[in-house]
Amino acid sequence: MATPVLDAIDRVIINRLQDGLPVSERPYRDAAKELGMEEDELVARLQRLLEQRVLSRLGPLFQIERAGGLYVLAAMRVPAARLDRVIGIVNAFPEVAHNYLREHAFNLWFVLAVGERERMEEVIRRIEQRTGLSVYAFPKLQEYFLDLRLRA
């Protein structure tokens, strides 16, 4: 895949939308108006940025615990020869928000998100059954809000 090129408008969109979309009936239309463009242009640009992997996701951040759910950071020790297969299995679970590799004994890390706390153990058990590997769960004990912004 070719290296994506961001133009000035892409950069303005990325920088602005890190502060969120308007809460309205038509948030993309309202954001586009604020940015001085049409809704269809904003949506097309965002789709292109997602397809090019400039953006990995576009969506809200929830405090899932307030709704009775749970986020858990999880780790696995995956033999190098099995890494691609195990990543495919883990990624197939809709409860997996994202994952990443680390140079460490625990080399595959991922975040699980479930709507009901009781479901977490079931999801972990199913991942272990399908991979034949142990999942080590690290539930959140305290939340910190950093308000990180990355300038495009």
Protein backbone atom coordinates (compact mmCIF):
# COMPACT_ATOMS: atom_id res chain seq x y z
CA MET A 1 0.00 0.00 0.00
CA ALA A 2 1.31 3.43 -0.93
CA THR A 3 2.08 5.94 1.78
CA PRO A 4 -0.97 8.17 2.15
CA VAL A 5 -0.62 11.89 1.53
CA LEU A 6 -2.59 14.24 3.73
CA ASP A 7 -3.61 17.56 2.28
CA ALA A 8 -4.39 20.66 4.35
CA ILE A 9 -8.11 19.83 4.48
CA ASP A 10 -7.42 16.30 5.78
CA ARG A 11 -5.27 17.79 8.52
CA VAL A 12 -7.96 20.29 9.53
CA ILE A 13 -10.56 17.48 9.65
CA ILE A 14 -8.36 15.23 11.79
CA ASN A 15 -7.40 18.01 14.17
CA ARG A 16 -11.00 19.23 14.56
CA LEU A 17 -12.70 15.84 14.97
CA GLN A 18 -10.40 14.83 17.82
CA ASP A 19 -12.62 17.14 19.88
CA GLY A 20 -15.66 15.10 18.88
CA LEU A 21 -18.59 15.30 16.53
CA PRO A 22 -21.54 17.57 17.27
CA VAL A 23 -24.33 15.87 19.18
CA SER A 24 -27.16 16.36 16.73
CA GLU A 25 -29.46 14.58 14.34
CA ARG A 26 -26.90 14.97 11.51
CA PRO A 27 -23.45 15.20 13.16
CA TYR A 28 -21.47 14.82 9.90
CA ARG A 29 -23.52 17.54 8.21
CA ASP A 30 -23.03 19.87 11.17
CA ALA A 31 -19.29 19.13 11.40
CA ALA A 32 -18.92 19.65 7.65
CA LYS A 33 -20.68 23.01 7.87
CA GLU A 34 -18.33 24.05 10.68
CA LEU A 35 -15.38 22.98 8.50
CA GLY A 36 -16.70 24.87 5.45
CA MET A 37 -17.54 21.86 3.29
CA GLU A 38 -20.43 19.64 2.29
CA GLU A 39 -21.41 16.58 4.30
CA ASP A 40 -20.69 14.15 1.44
CA GLU A 41 -17.15 15.54 1.06
CA LEU A 42 -16.44 15.10 4.77
CA VAL A 43 -17.79 11.54 4.76
CA ALA A 44 -15.80 10.65 1.62
CA ARG A 45 -12.59 12.04 3.10
CA LEU A 46 -13.10 10.18 6.38
CA GLN A 47 -13.80 6.95 4.48
CA ARG A 48 -10.59 7.41 2.47
CA LEU A 49 -8.56 8.10 5.62
CA LEU A 50 -9.96 4.94 7.21
CA GLU A 51 -9.28 2.85 4.07
CA GLN A 52 -5.71 4.17 3.91
CA ARG A 53 -5.29 3.37 7.63
CA VAL A 54 -4.42 6.99 8.41
CA LEU A 55 -7.29 6.65 10.88
CA SER A 56 -7.71 3.30 12.60
CA ARG A 57 -11.21 4.03 13.83
CA LEU A 58 -13.76 6.79 14.08
CA GLY A 59 -16.21 6.52 16.92
CA PRO A 60 -17.14 7.46 20.43
CA LEU A 61 -15.33 6.58 23.61
CA PHE A 62 -17.67 5.22 26.24
CA GLN A 63 -17.38 4.78 29.97
CA ILE A 64 -18.82 1.32 29.55
CA GLU A 65 -18.81 0.63 33.29
CA ARG A 66 -21.51 3.27 33.79
CA ALA A 67 -23.77 1.16 31.57
CA GLY A 68 -22.96 -2.08 33.42
CA GLY A 69 -20.26 -3.25 31.01
CA LEU A 70 -16.55 -3.78 31.32
CA TYR A 71 -13.26 -3.15 29.51
CA VAL A 72 -10.37 -5.49 30.24
CA LEU A 73 -6.80 -5.35 29.00
CA ALA A 74 -5.69 -8.89 28.18
CA ALA A 75 -2.40 -10.48 27.20
CA MET A 76 -1.26 -13.77 25.71
CA ARG A 77 2.03 -15.56 25.20
CA VAL A 78 1.88 -16.60 21.57
CA PRO A 79 4.62 -18.66 19.88
CA ALA A 80 5.98 -16.72 16.89
CA ALA A 81 5.05 -19.52 14.48
CA ARG A 82 1.38 -19.25 15.56
CA LEU A 83 1.10 -15.48 15.79
CA ASP A 84 -0.82 -14.79 12.56
CA ARG A 85 -3.31 -17.58 13.22
CA VAL A 86 -3.91 -16.56 16.85
CA ILE A 87 -4.32 -12.89 15.89
CA GLY A 88 -6.94 -13.95 13.33
CA ILE A 89 -8.83 -15.94 15.97
CA VAL A 90 -8.68 -13.13 18.54
CA ASN A 91 -9.71 -10.46 16.00
CA ALA A 92 -12.74 -12.54 14.98
CA PHE A 93 -14.34 -11.88 18.38
CA PRO A 94 -16.58 -8.80 18.22
CA GLU A 95 -15.68 -8.07 21.84
CA VAL A 96 -12.05 -7.35 20.86
CA ALA A 97 -11.73 -3.59 20.54
CA HIS A 98 -8.13 -3.61 19.27
CA ASN A 99 -4.86 -5.44 19.74
CA TYR A 100 -1.16 -4.85 19.41
CA LEU A 101 2.13 -6.74 19.50
CA ARG A 102 4.90 -6.20 22.01
CA GLU A 103 8.45 -7.49 22.25
CA HIS A 104 7.91 -9.25 25.55
CA ALA A 105 7.02 -12.71 26.87
CA PHE A 106 3.41 -11.50 26.69
CA ASN A 107 3.58 -10.54 23.04
CA LEU A 108 -0.09 -10.13 22.11
CA TRP A 109 -2.15 -7.55 24.00
CA PHE A 110 -5.77 -6.69 23.33
CA VAL A 111 -8.73 -4.89 24.86
CA LEU A 112 -11.99 -6.72 25.46
CA ALA A 113 -15.23 -4.79 25.79
CA VAL A 114 -18.45 -6.46 26.93
CA GLY A 115 -21.89 -5.06 27.67
CA GLU A 116 -22.40 -7.26 30.74
CA ARG A 117 -19.67 -8.05 33.27
CA GLU A 118 -20.65 -11.74 33.42
CA ARG A 119 -19.83 -12.13 29.74
CA MET A 120 -16.12 -11.35 30.18
CA GLU A 121 -15.22 -14.77 31.62
CA GLU A 122 -17.14 -16.49 28.82
CA VAL A 123 -15.30 -14.54 26.09
CA ILE A 124 -11.91 -15.24 27.68
CA ARG A 125 -12.75 -18.95 28.00
CA ARG A 126 -13.79 -19.10 24.31
CA ILE A 127 -10.57 -17.39 23.18
CA GLU A 128 -8.57 -19.88 25.25
CA GLN A 129 -10.50 -22.82 23.79
CA ARG A 130 -10.06 -21.66 20.19
CA THR A 131 -6.37 -20.80 20.53
CA GLY A 132 -5.26 -23.41 23.07
CA LEU A 133 -3.44 -20.61 24.91
CA SER A 134 -4.03 -18.85 28.22
CA VAL A 135 -5.47 -15.35 28.34
CA TYR A 136 -4.26 -13.15 31.20
CA ALA A 137 -6.85 -10.51 32.11
CA PHE A 138 -5.94 -7.18 33.69
CA PRO A 139 -9.16 -5.39 34.69
CA LYS A 140 -9.07 -1.64 35.07
CA LEU A 141 -8.70 -0.62 38.71
CA GLN A 142 -8.71 3.13 38.18
CA GLU A 143 -9.34 5.35 35.19
CA TYR A 144 -7.21 8.32 34.19
CA PHE A 145 -8.32 10.88 31.62
CA LEU A 146 -5.38 12.29 29.66
CA ASP A 147 -7.23 14.23 26.95
CA LEU A 148 -4.59 13.32 24.38
CA ARG A 149 -4.59 15.21 21.09
CA LEU A 150 -2.35 14.23 18.17
CA ARG A 151 -1.75 17.04 15.72
CA ALA A 152 -2.06 16.01 12.07
